[in-house]
mmCIF file of all heavy atoms, coordinates in Angstrom:
data_MODEL
# 
_entry.id   MODEL 
# 
loop_
_atom_site.group_PDB 
_atom_site.id 
_atom_site.type_symbol 
_atom_site.label_atom_id 
_atom_site.label_alt_id 
_atom_site.label_comp_id 
_atom_site.label_asym_id 
_atom_site.label_entity_id 
_atom_site.label_seq_id 
_atom_site.pdbx_PDB_ins_code 
_atom_site.Cartn_x 
_atom_site.Cartn_y 
_atom_site.Cartn_z 
_atom_site.occupancy 
_atom_site.B_iso_or_equiv 
_atom_site.pdbx_formal_charge 
_atom_site.auth_seq_id 
_atom_site.auth_comp_id 
_atom_site.auth_asym_id 
_atom_site.auth_atom_id 
_atom_site.pdbx_PDB_model_num 
ATOM 1   N N   . VAL A 1 1  ? 10.343 -7.030  6.537   1.00 0.00 ? 1  VAL A N   1 
ATOM 2   C CA  . VAL A 1 1  ? 11.600 -7.648  6.949   1.00 0.00 ? 1  VAL A CA  1 
ATOM 3   C C   . VAL A 1 1  ? 12.485 -6.571  7.578   1.00 0.00 ? 1  VAL A C   1 
ATOM 4   O O   . VAL A 1 1  ? 12.663 -5.488  7.018   1.00 0.00 ? 1  VAL A O   1 
ATOM 5   C CB  . VAL A 1 1  ? 12.321 -8.312  5.749   1.00 0.00 ? 1  VAL A CB  1 
ATOM 6   C CG1 . VAL A 1 1  ? 13.611 -8.965  6.193   1.00 0.00 ? 1  VAL A CG1 1 
ATOM 7   C CG2 . VAL A 1 1  ? 11.408 -9.333  5.082   1.00 0.00 ? 1  VAL A CG2 1 
ATOM 8   N N   . VAL A 1 2  ? 13.029 -6.876  8.753   1.00 0.00 ? 2  VAL A N   1 
ATOM 9   C CA  . VAL A 1 2  ? 13.856 -5.928  9.507   1.00 0.00 ? 2  VAL A CA  1 
ATOM 10  C C   . VAL A 1 2  ? 15.320 -6.314  9.358   1.00 0.00 ? 2  VAL A C   1 
ATOM 11  O O   . VAL A 1 2  ? 15.691 -7.469  9.562   1.00 0.00 ? 2  VAL A O   1 
ATOM 12  C CB  . VAL A 1 2  ? 13.461 -5.934  10.999  1.00 0.00 ? 2  VAL A CB  1 
ATOM 13  C CG1 . VAL A 1 2  ? 14.350 -4.988  11.802  1.00 0.00 ? 2  VAL A CG1 1 
ATOM 14  C CG2 . VAL A 1 2  ? 11.998 -5.574  11.163  1.00 0.00 ? 2  VAL A CG2 1 
ATOM 15  N N   . GLY A 1 3  ? 16.145 -5.323  8.996   1.00 0.00 ? 3  GLY A N   1 
ATOM 16  C CA  . GLY A 1 3  ? 17.584 -5.515  8.924   1.00 0.00 ? 3  GLY A CA  1 
ATOM 17  C C   . GLY A 1 3  ? 18.275 -4.648  9.966   1.00 0.00 ? 3  GLY A C   1 
ATOM 18  O O   . GLY A 1 3  ? 17.631 -3.884  10.676  1.00 0.00 ? 3  GLY A O   1 
ATOM 19  N N   . GLU A 1 4  ? 19.593 -4.764  10.036  1.00 0.00 ? 4  GLU A N   1 
ATOM 20  C CA  . GLU A 1 4  ? 20.353 -3.975  11.009  1.00 0.00 ? 4  GLU A CA  1 
ATOM 21  C C   . GLU A 1 4  ? 20.247 -2.475  10.751  1.00 0.00 ? 4  GLU A C   1 
ATOM 22  O O   . GLU A 1 4  ? 20.262 -1.689  11.689  1.00 0.00 ? 4  GLU A O   1 
ATOM 23  C CB  . GLU A 1 4  ? 21.824 -4.385  10.988  1.00 0.00 ? 4  GLU A CB  1 
ATOM 24  C CG  . GLU A 1 4  ? 22.067 -5.755  11.571  1.00 0.00 ? 4  GLU A CG  1 
ATOM 25  C CD  . GLU A 1 4  ? 23.540 -6.114  11.587  1.00 0.00 ? 4  GLU A CD  1 
ATOM 26  O OE1 . GLU A 1 4  ? 24.383 -5.201  11.638  1.00 0.00 ? 4  GLU A OE1 1 
ATOM 27  O OE2 . GLU A 1 4  ? 23.837 -7.317  11.544  1.00 0.00 ? 4  GLU A OE2 1 
ATOM 28  N N   . GLN A 1 5  ? 20.158 -2.075  9.481   1.00 0.00 ? 5  GLN A N   1 
ATOM 29  C CA  . GLN A 1 5  ? 20.129 -0.662  9.130   1.00 0.00 ? 5  GLN A CA  1 
ATOM 30  C C   . GLN A 1 5  ? 18.975 -0.285  8.214   1.00 0.00 ? 5  GLN A C   1 
ATOM 31  O O   . GLN A 1 5  ? 18.895 0.872   7.783   1.00 0.00 ? 5  GLN A O   1 
ATOM 32  C CB  . GLN A 1 5  ? 21.446 -0.270  8.428   1.00 0.00 ? 5  GLN A CB  1 
ATOM 33  C CG  . GLN A 1 5  ? 22.667 -0.457  9.285   1.00 0.00 ? 5  GLN A CG  1 
ATOM 34  C CD  . GLN A 1 5  ? 22.706 0.501   10.457  1.00 0.00 ? 5  GLN A CD  1 
ATOM 35  O OE1 . GLN A 1 5  ? 22.354 1.657   10.334  1.00 0.00 ? 5  GLN A OE1 1 
ATOM 36  N NE2 . GLN A 1 5  ? 23.116 0.010   11.609  1.00 0.00 ? 5  GLN A NE2 1 
ATOM 37  N N   . GLU A 1 6  ? 18.092 -1.249  7.902   1.00 0.00 ? 6  GLU A N   1 
ATOM 38  C CA  . GLU A 1 6  ? 17.041 -0.957  6.932   1.00 0.00 ? 6  GLU A CA  1 
ATOM 39  C C   . GLU A 1 6  ? 15.837 -1.864  7.121   1.00 0.00 ? 6  GLU A C   1 
ATOM 40  O O   . GLU A 1 6  ? 15.899 -2.872  7.814   1.00 0.00 ? 6  GLU A O   1 
ATOM 41  C CB  . GLU A 1 6  ? 17.576 -1.125  5.515   1.00 0.00 ? 6  GLU A CB  1 
ATOM 42  C CG  . GLU A 1 6  ? 18.021 -2.543  5.214   1.00 0.00 ? 6  GLU A CG  1 
ATOM 43  C CD  . GLU A 1 6  ? 18.763 -2.673  3.898   1.00 0.00 ? 6  GLU A CD  1 
ATOM 44  O OE1 . GLU A 1 6  ? 19.312 -1.675  3.423   1.00 0.00 ? 6  GLU A OE1 1 
ATOM 45  O OE2 . GLU A 1 6  ? 18.784 -3.785  3.366   1.00 0.00 ? 6  GLU A OE2 1 
ATOM 46  N N   . LEU A 1 7  ? 14.748 -1.453  6.488   1.00 0.00 ? 7  LEU A N   1 
ATOM 47  C CA  . LEU A 1 7  ? 13.518 -2.237  6.438   1.00 0.00 ? 7  LEU A CA  1 
ATOM 48  C C   . LEU A 1 7  ? 13.183 -2.492  4.984   1.00 0.00 ? 7  LEU A C   1 
ATOM 49  O O   . LEU A 1 7  ? 13.455 -1.657  4.113   1.00 0.00 ? 7  LEU A O   1 
ATOM 50  C CB  . LEU A 1 7  ? 12.356 -1.464  7.058   1.00 0.00 ? 7  LEU A CB  1 
ATOM 51  C CG  . LEU A 1 7  ? 12.490 -1.033  8.502   1.00 0.00 ? 7  LEU A CG  1 
ATOM 52  C CD1 . LEU A 1 7  ? 11.352 -0.091  8.863   1.00 0.00 ? 7  LEU A CD1 1 
ATOM 53  C CD2 . LEU A 1 7  ? 12.475 -2.242  9.404   1.00 0.00 ? 7  LEU A CD2 1 
ATOM 54  N N   . SER A 1 8  ? 12.568 -3.631  4.700   1.00 0.00 ? 8  SER A N   1 
ATOM 55  C CA  . SER A 1 8  ? 12.063 -3.898  3.365   1.00 0.00 ? 8  SER A CA  1 
ATOM 56  C C   . SER A 1 8  ? 10.723 -4.599  3.491   1.00 0.00 ? 8  SER A C   1 
ATOM 57  O O   . SER A 1 8  ? 10.390 -5.145  4.546   1.00 0.00 ? 8  SER A O   1 
ATOM 58  C CB  . SER A 1 8  ? 13.051 -4.731  2.540   1.00 0.00 ? 8  SER A CB  1 
ATOM 59  O OG  . SER A 1 8  ? 13.311 -5.962  3.172   1.00 0.00 ? 8  SER A OG  1 
ATOM 60  N N   . ALA A 1 9  ? 9.935  -4.537  2.430   1.00 0.00 ? 9  ALA A N   1 
ATOM 61  C CA  . ALA A 1 9  ? 8.620  -5.170  2.431   1.00 0.00 ? 9  ALA A CA  1 
ATOM 62  C C   . ALA A 1 9  ? 8.407  -5.830  1.079   1.00 0.00 ? 9  ALA A C   1 
ATOM 63  O O   . ALA A 1 9  ? 8.813  -5.305  0.037   1.00 0.00 ? 9  ALA A O   1 
ATOM 64  C CB  . ALA A 1 9  ? 7.528  -4.140  2.698   1.00 0.00 ? 9  ALA A CB  1 
ATOM 65  N N   . TRP A 1 10 ? 7.756  -6.971  1.111   1.00 0.00 ? 10 TRP A N   1 
ATOM 66  C CA  . TRP A 1 10 ? 7.578  -7.781  -0.089  1.00 0.00 ? 10 TRP A CA  1 
ATOM 67  C C   . TRP A 1 10 ? 6.140  -8.270  -0.178  1.00 0.00 ? 10 TRP A C   1 
ATOM 68  O O   . TRP A 1 10 ? 5.529  -8.617  0.829   1.00 0.00 ? 10 TRP A O   1 
ATOM 69  C CB  . TRP A 1 10 ? 8.523  -8.984  -0.046  1.00 0.00 ? 10 TRP A CB  1 
ATOM 70  C CG  . TRP A 1 10 ? 9.937  -8.562  0.150   1.00 0.00 ? 10 TRP A CG  1 
ATOM 71  C CD1 . TRP A 1 10 ? 10.574 -8.347  1.337   1.00 0.00 ? 10 TRP A CD1 1 
ATOM 72  C CD2 . TRP A 1 10 ? 10.875 -8.240  -0.865  1.00 0.00 ? 10 TRP A CD2 1 
ATOM 73  N NE1 . TRP A 1 10 ? 11.855 -7.925  1.117   1.00 0.00 ? 10 TRP A NE1 1 
ATOM 74  C CE2 . TRP A 1 10 ? 12.070 -7.847  -0.229  1.00 0.00 ? 10 TRP A CE2 1 
ATOM 75  C CE3 . TRP A 1 10 ? 10.821 -8.253  -2.254  1.00 0.00 ? 10 TRP A CE3 1 
ATOM 76  C CZ2 . TRP A 1 10 ? 13.200 -7.466  -0.930  1.00 0.00 ? 10 TRP A CZ2 1 
ATOM 77  C CZ3 . TRP A 1 10 ? 11.950 -7.877  -2.951  1.00 0.00 ? 10 TRP A CZ3 1 
ATOM 78  C CH2 . TRP A 1 10 ? 13.125 -7.491  -2.302  1.00 0.00 ? 10 TRP A CH2 1 
ATOM 79  N N   . HIS A 1 11 ? 5.609  -8.298  -1.410  1.00 0.00 ? 11 HIS A N   1 
ATOM 80  C CA  . HIS A 1 11 ? 4.291  -8.883  -1.639  1.00 0.00 ? 11 HIS A CA  1 
ATOM 81  C C   . HIS A 1 11 ? 4.434  -10.398 -1.600  1.00 0.00 ? 11 HIS A C   1 
ATOM 82  O O   . HIS A 1 11 ? 5.279  -10.963 -2.292  1.00 0.00 ? 11 HIS A O   1 
ATOM 83  C CB  . HIS A 1 11 ? 3.726  -8.448  -2.998  1.00 0.00 ? 11 HIS A CB  1 
ATOM 84  C CG  . HIS A 1 11 ? 3.366  -7.003  -3.056  1.00 0.00 ? 11 HIS A CG  1 
ATOM 85  N ND1 . HIS A 1 11 ? 2.331  -6.472  -2.319  1.00 0.00 ? 11 HIS A ND1 1 
ATOM 86  C CD2 . HIS A 1 11 ? 3.913  -5.978  -3.751  1.00 0.00 ? 11 HIS A CD2 1 
ATOM 87  C CE1 . HIS A 1 11 ? 2.251  -5.170  -2.562  1.00 0.00 ? 11 HIS A CE1 1 
ATOM 88  N NE2 . HIS A 1 11 ? 3.199  -4.850  -3.425  1.00 0.00 ? 11 HIS A NE2 1 
ATOM 89  N N   . LEU A 1 12 ? 3.630  -11.038 -0.786  1.00 0.00 ? 12 LEU A N   1 
ATOM 90  C CA  . LEU A 1 12 ? 3.730  -12.484 -0.621  1.00 0.00 ? 12 LEU A CA  1 
ATOM 91  C C   . LEU A 1 12 ? 3.382  -13.241 -1.901  1.00 0.00 ? 12 LEU A C   1 
ATOM 92  O O   . LEU A 1 12 ? 4.000  -14.247 -2.225  1.00 0.00 ? 12 LEU A O   1 
ATOM 93  C CB  . LEU A 1 12 ? 2.824  -12.954 0.520   1.00 0.00 ? 12 LEU A CB  1 
ATOM 94  C CG  . LEU A 1 12 ? 3.283  -12.543 1.910   1.00 0.00 ? 12 LEU A CG  1 
ATOM 95  C CD1 . LEU A 1 12 ? 2.210  -12.874 2.944   1.00 0.00 ? 12 LEU A CD1 1 
ATOM 96  C CD2 . LEU A 1 12 ? 4.577  -13.228 2.262   1.00 0.00 ? 12 LEU A CD2 1 
ATOM 97  N N   . ARG A 1 13 ? 2.385  -12.782 -2.634  1.00 0.00 ? 13 ARG A N   1 
ATOM 98  C CA  . ARG A 1 13 ? 1.938  -13.511 -3.825  1.00 0.00 ? 13 ARG A CA  1 
ATOM 99  C C   . ARG A 1 13 ? 2.916  -13.414 -4.992  1.00 0.00 ? 13 ARG A C   1 
ATOM 100 O O   . ARG A 1 13 ? 3.181  -14.392 -5.662  1.00 0.00 ? 13 ARG A O   1 
ATOM 101 C CB  . ARG A 1 13 ? 0.562  -13.032 -4.251  1.00 0.00 ? 13 ARG A CB  1 
ATOM 102 C CG  . ARG A 1 13 ? -0.493 -13.368 -3.232  1.00 0.00 ? 13 ARG A CG  1 
ATOM 103 C CD  . ARG A 1 13 ? -1.832 -12.792 -3.612  1.00 0.00 ? 13 ARG A CD  1 
ATOM 104 N NE  . ARG A 1 13 ? -2.665 -12.765 -2.432  1.00 0.00 ? 13 ARG A NE  1 
ATOM 105 C CZ  . ARG A 1 13 ? -3.755 -13.475 -2.299  1.00 0.00 ? 13 ARG A CZ  1 
ATOM 106 N NH1 . ARG A 1 13 ? -4.161 -14.240 -3.253  1.00 0.00 ? 13 ARG A NH1 1 
ATOM 107 N NH2 . ARG A 1 13 ? -4.456 -13.393 -1.192  1.00 0.00 ? 13 ARG A NH2 1 
ATOM 108 N N   . SER A 1 14 ? 3.461  -12.212 -5.201  1.00 0.00 ? 14 SER A N   1 
ATOM 109 C CA  . SER A 1 14 ? 4.330  -12.013 -6.368  1.00 0.00 ? 14 SER A CA  1 
ATOM 110 C C   . SER A 1 14 ? 5.817  -12.094 -6.025  1.00 0.00 ? 14 SER A C   1 
ATOM 111 O O   . SER A 1 14 ? 6.640  -12.310 -6.908  1.00 0.00 ? 14 SER A O   1 
ATOM 112 C CB  . SER A 1 14 ? 4.050  -10.653 -7.007  1.00 0.00 ? 14 SER A CB  1 
ATOM 113 O OG  . SER A 1 14 ? 4.461  -9.600  -6.140  1.00 0.00 ? 14 SER A OG  1 
ATOM 114 N N   . GLY A 1 15 ? 6.176  -11.872 -4.765  1.00 0.00 ? 15 GLY A N   1 
ATOM 115 C CA  . GLY A 1 15 ? 7.584  -11.836 -4.378  1.00 0.00 ? 15 GLY A CA  1 
ATOM 116 C C   . GLY A 1 15 ? 8.265  -10.528 -4.742  1.00 0.00 ? 15 GLY A C   1 
ATOM 117 O O   . GLY A 1 15 ? 9.465  -10.371 -4.540  1.00 0.00 ? 15 GLY A O   1 
ATOM 118 N N   . LYS A 1 16 ? 7.505  -9.560  -5.246  1.00 0.00 ? 16 LYS A N   1 
ATOM 119 C CA  . LYS A 1 16 ? 8.073  -8.271  -5.652  1.00 0.00 ? 16 LYS A CA  1 
ATOM 120 C C   . LYS A 1 16 ? 8.081  -7.298  -4.476  1.00 0.00 ? 16 LYS A C   1 
ATOM 121 O O   . LYS A 1 16 ? 7.281  -7.429  -3.543  1.00 0.00 ? 16 LYS A O   1 
ATOM 122 C CB  . LYS A 1 16 ? 7.252  -7.694  -6.806  1.00 0.00 ? 16 LYS A CB  1 
ATOM 123 C CG  . LYS A 1 16 ? 7.362  -8.526  -8.055  1.00 0.00 ? 16 LYS A CG  1 
ATOM 124 C CD  . LYS A 1 16 ? 6.601  -7.896  -9.191  1.00 0.00 ? 16 LYS A CD  1 
ATOM 125 C CE  . LYS A 1 16 ? 6.754  -8.775  -10.430 1.00 0.00 ? 16 LYS A CE  1 
ATOM 126 N NZ  . LYS A 1 16 ? 6.075  -8.225  -11.579 1.00 0.00 ? 16 LYS A NZ  1 
ATOM 127 N N   . PRO A 1 17 ? 8.978  -6.309  -4.527  1.00 0.00 ? 17 PRO A N   1 
ATOM 128 C CA  . PRO A 1 17 ? 9.025  -5.305  -3.456  1.00 0.00 ? 17 PRO A CA  1 
ATOM 129 C C   . PRO A 1 17 ? 7.682  -4.583  -3.332  1.00 0.00 ? 17 PRO A C   1 
ATOM 130 O O   . PRO A 1 17 ? 7.036  -4.268  -4.331  1.00 0.00 ? 17 PRO A O   1 
ATOM 131 C CB  . PRO A 1 17 ? 10.116 -4.338  -3.903  1.00 0.00 ? 17 PRO A CB  1 
ATOM 132 C CG  . PRO A 1 17 ? 10.956 -5.115  -4.858  1.00 0.00 ? 17 PRO A CG  1 
ATOM 133 C CD  . PRO A 1 17 ? 10.020 -6.083  -5.529  1.00 0.00 ? 17 PRO A CD  1 
ATOM 134 N N   . ALA A 1 18 ? 7.279  -4.312  -2.100  1.00 0.00 ? 18 ALA A N   1 
ATOM 135 C CA  . ALA A 1 18 ? 6.013  -3.632  -1.846  1.00 0.00 ? 18 ALA A CA  1 
ATOM 136 C C   . ALA A 1 18 ? 6.171  -2.111  -1.845  1.00 0.00 ? 18 ALA A C   1 
ATOM 137 O O   . ALA A 1 18 ? 5.189  -1.392  -1.951  1.00 0.00 ? 18 ALA A O   1 
ATOM 138 C CB  . ALA A 1 18 ? 5.433  -4.094  -0.513  1.00 0.00 ? 18 ALA A CB  1 
ATOM 139 N N   . TRP A 1 19 ? 7.402  -1.631  -1.694  1.00 0.00 ? 19 TRP A N   1 
ATOM 140 C CA  . TRP A 1 19 ? 7.649  -0.201  -1.637  1.00 0.00 ? 19 TRP A CA  1 
ATOM 141 C C   . TRP A 1 19 ? 8.380  0.266   -2.884  1.00 0.00 ? 19 TRP A C   1 
ATOM 142 O O   . TRP A 1 19 ? 8.997  -0.514  -3.598  1.00 0.00 ? 19 TRP A O   1 
ATOM 143 C CB  . TRP A 1 19 ? 8.485  0.153   -0.418  1.00 0.00 ? 19 TRP A CB  1 
ATOM 144 C CG  . TRP A 1 19 ? 7.851  -0.211  0.881   1.00 0.00 ? 19 TRP A CG  1 
ATOM 145 C CD1 . TRP A 1 19 ? 6.516  -0.334  1.145   1.00 0.00 ? 19 TRP A CD1 1 
ATOM 146 C CD2 . TRP A 1 19 ? 8.521  -0.500  2.102   1.00 0.00 ? 19 TRP A CD2 1 
ATOM 147 N NE1 . TRP A 1 19 ? 6.324  -0.669  2.454   1.00 0.00 ? 19 TRP A NE1 1 
ATOM 148 C CE2 . TRP A 1 19 ? 7.536  -0.781  3.071   1.00 0.00 ? 19 TRP A CE2 1 
ATOM 149 C CE3 . TRP A 1 19 ? 9.854  -0.548  2.478   1.00 0.00 ? 19 TRP A CE3 1 
ATOM 150 C CZ2 . TRP A 1 19 ? 7.841  -1.099  4.388   1.00 0.00 ? 19 TRP A CZ2 1 
ATOM 151 C CZ3 . TRP A 1 19 ? 10.164 -0.862  3.785   1.00 0.00 ? 19 TRP A CZ3 1 
ATOM 152 C CH2 . TRP A 1 19 ? 9.169  -1.126  4.729   1.00 0.00 ? 19 TRP A CH2 1 
ATOM 153 N N   . ARG A 1 20 ? 8.332  1.557   -3.098  1.00 0.00 ? 20 ARG A N   1 
ATOM 154 C CA  . ARG A 1 20 ? 9.027  2.161   -4.236  1.00 0.00 ? 20 ARG A CA  1 
ATOM 155 C C   . ARG A 1 20 ? 10.515 1.843   -4.201  1.00 0.00 ? 20 ARG A C   1 
ATOM 156 O O   . ARG A 1 20 ? 11.118 1.492   -5.194  1.00 0.00 ? 20 ARG A O   1 
ATOM 157 C CB  . ARG A 1 20 ? 8.828  3.674   -4.185  1.00 0.00 ? 20 ARG A CB  1 
ATOM 158 C CG  . ARG A 1 20 ? 8.768  4.328   -5.526  1.00 0.00 ? 20 ARG A CG  1 
ATOM 159 C CD  . ARG A 1 20 ? 8.515  5.790   -5.361  1.00 0.00 ? 20 ARG A CD  1 
ATOM 160 N NE  . ARG A 1 20 ? 7.076  6.031   -5.383  1.00 0.00 ? 20 ARG A NE  1 
ATOM 161 C CZ  . ARG A 1 20 ? 6.527  7.208   -5.381  1.00 0.00 ? 20 ARG A CZ  1 
ATOM 162 N NH1 . ARG A 1 20 ? 7.281  8.273   -5.306  1.00 0.00 ? 20 ARG A NH1 1 
ATOM 163 N NH2 . ARG A 1 20 ? 5.245  7.339   -5.433  1.00 0.00 ? 20 ARG A NH2 1 
ATOM 164 N N   . GLU A 1 21 ? 11.107 1.985   -3.000  1.00 0.00 ? 21 GLU A N   1 
ATOM 165 C CA  . GLU A 1 21 ? 12.515 1.650   -2.804  1.00 0.00 ? 21 GLU A CA  1 
ATOM 166 C C   . GLU A 1 21 ? 12.614 0.172   -2.437  1.00 0.00 ? 21 GLU A C   1 
ATOM 167 O O   . GLU A 1 21 ? 11.715 -0.374  -1.810  1.00 0.00 ? 21 GLU A O   1 
ATOM 168 C CB  . GLU A 1 21 ? 13.132 2.474   -1.670  1.00 0.00 ? 21 GLU A CB  1 
ATOM 169 C CG  . GLU A 1 21 ? 13.066 3.965   -1.874  1.00 0.00 ? 21 GLU A CG  1 
ATOM 170 C CD  . GLU A 1 21 ? 11.768 4.572   -1.339  1.00 0.00 ? 21 GLU A CD  1 
ATOM 171 O OE1 . GLU A 1 21 ? 10.972 3.845   -0.717  1.00 0.00 ? 21 GLU A OE1 1 
ATOM 172 O OE2 . GLU A 1 21 ? 11.531 5.752   -1.574  1.00 0.00 ? 21 GLU A OE2 1 
ATOM 173 N N   . LEU A 1 22 ? 13.706 -0.453  -2.796  1.00 0.00 ? 22 LEU A N   1 
ATOM 174 C CA  . LEU A 1 22 ? 13.911 -1.846  -2.417  1.00 0.00 ? 22 LEU A CA  1 
ATOM 175 C C   . LEU A 1 22 ? 13.988 -1.982  -0.905  1.00 0.00 ? 22 LEU A C   1 
ATOM 176 O O   . LEU A 1 22 ? 13.481 -2.932  -0.322  1.00 0.00 ? 22 LEU A O   1 
ATOM 177 C CB  . LEU A 1 22 ? 15.187 -2.390  -3.075  1.00 0.00 ? 22 LEU A CB  1 
ATOM 178 C CG  . LEU A 1 22 ? 15.482 -3.858  -2.867  1.00 0.00 ? 22 LEU A CG  1 
ATOM 179 C CD1 . LEU A 1 22 ? 14.341 -4.730  -3.380  1.00 0.00 ? 22 LEU A CD1 1 
ATOM 180 C CD2 . LEU A 1 22 ? 16.779 -4.236  -3.556  1.00 0.00 ? 22 LEU A CD2 1 
ATOM 181 N N   . ALA A 1 23 ? 14.620 -0.997  -0.260  1.00 0.00 ? 23 ALA A N   1 
ATOM 182 C CA  . ALA A 1 23 ? 14.716 -0.973  1.197   1.00 0.00 ? 23 ALA A CA  1 
ATOM 183 C C   . ALA A 1 23 ? 14.715 0.474   1.660   1.00 0.00 ? 23 ALA A C   1 
ATOM 184 O O   . ALA A 1 23 ? 15.150 1.365   0.938   1.00 0.00 ? 23 ALA A O   1 
ATOM 185 C CB  . ALA A 1 23 ? 15.987 -1.675  1.661   1.00 0.00 ? 23 ALA A CB  1 
ATOM 186 N N   . VAL A 1 24 ? 14.210 0.695   2.861   1.00 0.00 ? 24 VAL A N   1 
ATOM 187 C CA  . VAL A 1 24 ? 14.197 2.019   3.463   1.00 0.00 ? 24 VAL A CA  1 
ATOM 188 C C   . VAL A 1 24 ? 15.202 2.010   4.604   1.00 0.00 ? 24 VAL A C   1 
ATOM 189 O O   . VAL A 1 24 ? 15.119 1.170   5.507   1.00 0.00 ? 24 VAL A O   1 
ATOM 190 C CB  . VAL A 1 24 ? 12.780 2.369   3.994   1.00 0.00 ? 24 VAL A CB  1 
ATOM 191 C CG1 . VAL A 1 24 ? 12.794 3.668   4.766   1.00 0.00 ? 24 VAL A CG1 1 
ATOM 192 C CG2 . VAL A 1 24 ? 11.781 2.416   2.843   1.00 0.00 ? 24 VAL A CG2 1 
ATOM 193 N N   . GLU A 1 25 ? 16.161 2.929   4.545   1.00 0.00 ? 25 GLU A N   1 
ATOM 194 C CA  . GLU A 1 25 ? 17.182 2.990   5.591   1.00 0.00 ? 25 GLU A CA  1 
ATOM 195 C C   . GLU A 1 25 ? 16.600 3.560   6.875   1.00 0.00 ? 25 GLU A C   1 
ATOM 196 O O   . GLU A 1 25 ? 15.792 4.484   6.852   1.00 0.00 ? 25 GLU A O   1 
ATOM 197 C CB  . GLU A 1 25 ? 18.354 3.861   5.136   1.00 0.00 ? 25 GLU A CB  1 
ATOM 198 C CG  . GLU A 1 25 ? 19.219 3.175   4.103   1.00 0.00 ? 25 GLU A CG  1 
ATOM 199 C CD  . GLU A 1 25 ? 20.521 3.911   3.880   1.00 0.00 ? 25 GLU A CD  1 
ATOM 200 O OE1 . GLU A 1 25 ? 21.122 4.389   4.877   1.00 0.00 ? 25 GLU A OE1 1 
ATOM 201 O OE2 . GLU A 1 25 ? 20.934 3.993   2.730   1.00 0.00 ? 25 GLU A OE2 1 
ATOM 202 N N   . LEU A 1 26 ? 17.048 2.999   7.993   1.00 0.00 ? 26 LEU A N   1 
ATOM 203 C CA  . LEU A 1 26 ? 16.667 3.535   9.291   1.00 0.00 ? 26 LEU A CA  1 
ATOM 204 C C   . LEU A 1 26 ? 17.494 4.788   9.562   1.00 0.00 ? 26 LEU A C   1 
ATOM 205 O O   . LEU A 1 26 ? 18.634 4.902   9.089   1.00 0.00 ? 26 LEU A O   1 
ATOM 206 C CB  . LEU A 1 26 ? 16.928 2.493   10.380  1.00 0.00 ? 26 LEU A CB  1 
ATOM 207 C CG  . LEU A 1 26 ? 16.069 1.230   10.302  1.00 0.00 ? 26 LEU A CG  1 
ATOM 208 C CD1 . LEU A 1 26 ? 16.567 0.192   11.314  1.00 0.00 ? 26 LEU A CD1 1 
ATOM 209 C CD2 . LEU A 1 26 ? 14.617 1.563   10.550  1.00 0.00 ? 26 LEU A CD2 1 
ATOM 210 N N   . PRO A 1 27 ? 16.951 5.739   10.327  1.00 0.00 ? 27 PRO A N   1 
ATOM 211 C CA  . PRO A 1 27 ? 17.739 6.928   10.677  1.00 0.00 ? 27 PRO A CA  1 
ATOM 212 C C   . PRO A 1 27 ? 19.004 6.529   11.437  1.00 0.00 ? 27 PRO A C   1 
ATOM 213 O O   . PRO A 1 27 ? 19.035 5.491   12.112  1.00 0.00 ? 27 PRO A O   1 
ATOM 214 C CB  . PRO A 1 27 ? 16.797 7.728   11.579  1.00 0.00 ? 27 PRO A CB  1 
ATOM 215 C CG  . PRO A 1 27 ? 15.430 7.259   11.225  1.00 0.00 ? 27 PRO A CG  1 
ATOM 216 C CD  . PRO A 1 27 ? 15.595 5.811   10.857  1.00 0.00 ? 27 PRO A CD  1 
ATOM 217 N N   . GLU A 1 28 ? 20.025 7.364   11.350  1.00 0.00 ? 28 GLU A N   1 
ATOM 218 C CA  . GLU A 1 28 ? 21.292 7.077   12.017  1.00 0.00 ? 28 GLU A CA  1 
ATOM 219 C C   . GLU A 1 28 ? 21.082 6.851   13.511  1.00 0.00 ? 28 GLU A C   1 
ATOM 220 O O   . GLU A 1 28 ? 20.366 7.605   14.176  1.00 0.00 ? 28 GLU A O   1 
ATOM 221 C CB  . GLU A 1 28 ? 22.263 8.238   11.806  1.00 0.00 ? 28 GLU A CB  1 
ATOM 222 C CG  . GLU A 1 28 ? 23.647 7.918   12.287  1.00 0.00 ? 28 GLU A CG  1 
ATOM 223 C CD  . GLU A 1 28 ? 24.655 8.963   11.861  1.00 0.00 ? 28 GLU A CD  1 
ATOM 224 O OE1 . GLU A 1 28 ? 24.460 9.598   10.817  1.00 0.00 ? 28 GLU A OE1 1 
ATOM 225 O OE2 . GLU A 1 28 ? 25.638 9.113   12.597  1.00 0.00 ? 28 GLU A OE2 1 
# 
């Protein structure tokens, strides 16, 4: 999932975050 300032990823089966962080911020 792409946001204005961050990216996030989710497991489709469980609905849980796929990455260690809930979201990864994009560089400035």
